[in-house]
Amino acid sequence: MSDVDTIVRGRQLAMRREIDRRGIALKAVSYDSGIPMPTLLSYFPGGEREPSVLPATALFKLLAGNALPHDVLSLILPDGEQIVRAPEDIDHDELERVARDYLAAKGAAHHPDSPGGREISDCEDDALDAKAARLLAVAA
């Protein structure tokens, strides 16, 4: 087994933990994606069982069916990469809202009472990265 397979399987287990944490029903994921339940469970088994490597065709079905949130699907990608939906038209009101949300979070991250004080902590950096990705997706 290659190192990449090991990494991907570990990320699939993390995806399953996040699916469970959010209370997302696997039956709904199966229905929305068109992936049969036994196959879906082979990709996202419970416990510490080793999953089958998620193929690109299954990822396509999960995306096309809007079966899982993009941030959950992004867990399978290399660090720093995210799945975002590109808008067909720019909604300038939404762009303003998302930009203000990012700026507010950025300002709060520099507040002396924030987790890292005036410096941006790891948890704030993760949140800012997600907000920046959303901003880029809305602006695209």
Protein backbone atom coordinates (compact mmCIF):
# COMPACT_ATOMS: atom_id res chain seq x y z
CA MET A 1 0.00 0.00 0.00
CA SER A 2 1.40 3.40 -0.94
CA ASP A 3 1.82 6.30 1.47
CA VAL A 4 -0.84 8.24 -0.47
CA ASP A 5 -3.36 5.43 0.06
CA THR A 6 -2.61 5.49 3.78
CA ILE A 7 -3.06 9.27 3.92
CA VAL A 8 -6.32 9.16 1.96
CA ARG A 9 -7.72 6.36 4.13
CA GLY A 10 -6.86 8.35 7.25
CA ARG A 11 -8.64 11.38 5.82
CA GLN A 12 -11.69 9.26 4.98
CA LEU A 13 -11.83 8.16 8.62
CA ALA A 14 -11.66 11.83 9.63
CA MET A 15 -14.51 12.55 7.21
CA ARG A 16 -16.62 9.80 8.82
CA ARG A 17 -15.95 11.21 12.28
CA GLU A 18 -17.07 14.65 11.05
CA ILE A 19 -20.16 13.17 9.38
CA ASP A 20 -21.07 11.49 12.67
CA ARG A 21 -20.27 14.61 14.73
CA ARG A 22 -22.64 16.67 12.58
CA GLY A 23 -25.35 14.03 12.68
CA ILE A 24 -25.45 13.63 8.89
CA ALA A 25 -27.43 10.50 8.05
CA LEU A 26 -25.49 8.14 5.80
CA LYS A 27 -28.80 6.95 4.30
CA ALA A 28 -29.40 10.52 3.10
CA VAL A 29 -25.84 10.70 1.72
CA SER A 30 -26.43 7.41 -0.10
CA TYR A 31 -29.75 8.62 -1.52
CA ASP A 32 -28.46 12.05 -2.59
CA SER A 33 -25.28 10.69 -4.18
CA GLY A 34 -26.72 7.53 -5.71
CA ILE A 35 -23.95 5.51 -4.06
CA PRO A 36 -25.38 2.26 -2.64
CA MET A 37 -25.22 2.11 1.17
CA PRO A 38 -22.84 -0.90 1.33
CA THR A 39 -20.44 0.87 -1.04
CA LEU A 40 -20.69 4.12 0.93
CA LEU A 41 -19.93 2.22 4.14
CA SER A 42 -16.85 0.73 2.48
CA TYR A 43 -15.57 4.30 1.96
CA PHE A 44 -16.67 5.59 5.37
CA PRO A 45 -16.75 2.64 7.77
CA GLY A 46 -17.53 3.13 11.41
CA GLY A 47 -14.91 2.68 14.09
CA GLU A 48 -11.34 2.11 13.05
CA ARG A 49 -11.98 -0.32 10.19
CA GLU A 50 -9.84 0.41 7.15
CA PRO A 51 -11.85 2.08 4.38
CA SER A 52 -11.61 1.36 0.68
CA VAL A 53 -9.89 4.26 -1.08
CA LEU A 54 -12.51 6.75 -2.29
CA PRO A 55 -12.38 6.83 -6.11
CA ALA A 56 -12.84 10.00 -8.16
CA THR A 57 -16.17 8.67 -9.45
CA ALA A 58 -17.54 8.50 -5.90
CA LEU A 59 -16.24 12.00 -5.13
CA PHE A 60 -17.98 13.20 -8.30
CA LYS A 61 -21.26 11.61 -7.17
CA LEU A 62 -20.98 13.13 -3.69
CA LEU A 63 -20.40 16.56 -5.23
CA ALA A 64 -23.01 16.27 -7.98
CA GLY A 65 -25.64 15.11 -5.49
CA ASN A 66 -24.69 17.81 -2.99
CA ALA A 67 -24.62 14.88 -0.57
CA LEU A 68 -22.04 16.26 1.87
CA PRO A 69 -20.94 19.78 2.76
CA HIS A 70 -17.91 20.93 0.80
CA ASP A 71 -15.85 21.47 3.94
CA VAL A 72 -16.34 17.79 4.83
CA LEU A 73 -15.40 16.67 1.31
CA SER A 74 -12.38 19.00 1.43
CA LEU A 75 -10.93 16.91 4.27
CA ILE A 76 -9.79 14.37 1.66
CA LEU A 77 -7.72 16.97 -0.21
CA PRO A 78 -4.10 17.93 0.46
CA ASP A 79 -3.60 20.55 3.16
CA GLY A 80 -4.43 24.03 1.93
CA GLU A 81 -6.87 22.83 -0.75
CA GLN A 82 -10.65 23.24 -0.51
CA ILE A 83 -13.67 22.36 -2.59
CA VAL A 84 -15.77 25.44 -3.32
CA ARG A 85 -18.72 25.95 -5.62
CA ALA A 86 -18.07 28.62 -8.24
CA PRO A 87 -21.03 30.98 -8.57
CA GLU A 88 -22.70 31.43 -11.94
CA ASP A 89 -23.33 35.11 -11.30
CA ILE A 90 -21.74 37.43 -8.77
CA ASP A 91 -24.18 38.46 -6.08
CA HIS A 92 -22.65 41.75 -4.94
CA ASP A 93 -24.77 41.83 -1.78
CA GLU A 94 -23.51 38.37 -0.82
CA LEU A 95 -19.96 39.39 -1.71
CA GLU A 96 -20.23 42.38 0.62
CA ARG A 97 -21.65 40.23 3.43
CA VAL A 98 -18.88 37.63 3.09
CA ALA A 99 -16.18 40.32 2.87
CA ARG A 100 -17.47 42.03 6.01
CA ASP A 101 -17.62 38.66 7.77
CA TYR A 102 -13.97 38.00 6.88
CA LEU A 103 -12.89 41.48 7.97
CA ALA A 104 -14.76 41.20 11.27
CA ALA A 105 -13.12 37.84 12.00
CA LYS A 106 -9.71 39.22 11.02
CA GLY A 107 -10.17 42.21 13.32
CA ALA A 108 -11.35 39.99 16.18
CA ALA A 109 -8.31 37.74 15.72
CA HIS A 110 -6.04 40.71 16.48
CA HIS A 111 -7.96 41.74 19.60
CA PRO A 112 -5.85 41.47 22.78
CA ASP A 113 -8.50 39.18 24.34
CA SER A 114 -8.44 36.71 21.43
CA PRO A 115 -6.82 33.26 21.94
CA GLY A 116 -3.48 34.43 20.51
CA GLY A 117 -3.66 37.97 21.82
CA ARG A 118 -2.67 40.35 19.04
CA GLU A 119 -1.20 37.44 17.05
CA ILE A 120 -3.42 35.10 15.03
CA SER A 121 -3.72 31.70 16.76
CA ASP A 122 -3.96 28.39 14.89
CA CYS A 123 -7.71 28.10 15.47
CA GLU A 124 -8.23 31.66 14.24
CA ASP A 125 -6.01 31.00 11.23
CA ASP A 126 -8.13 27.97 10.28
CA ALA A 127 -11.34 29.99 10.61
CA LEU A 128 -9.87 32.86 8.58
CA ASP A 129 -8.72 30.43 5.87
CA ALA A 130 -12.27 29.07 5.59
CA LYS A 131 -13.73 32.60 5.43
CA ALA A 132 -11.14 33.62 2.82
CA ALA A 133 -11.99 30.55 0.72
CA ARG A 134 -15.68 31.47 0.93
CA LEU A 135 -14.83 35.03 -0.10
CA LEU A 136 -12.83 33.79 -3.08
CA ALA A 137 -15.64 31.45 -4.09
CA VAL A 138 -18.24 34.23 -3.96
CA ALA A 139 -15.97 36.61 -5.85
CA ALA A 140 -15.06 34.08 -8.56
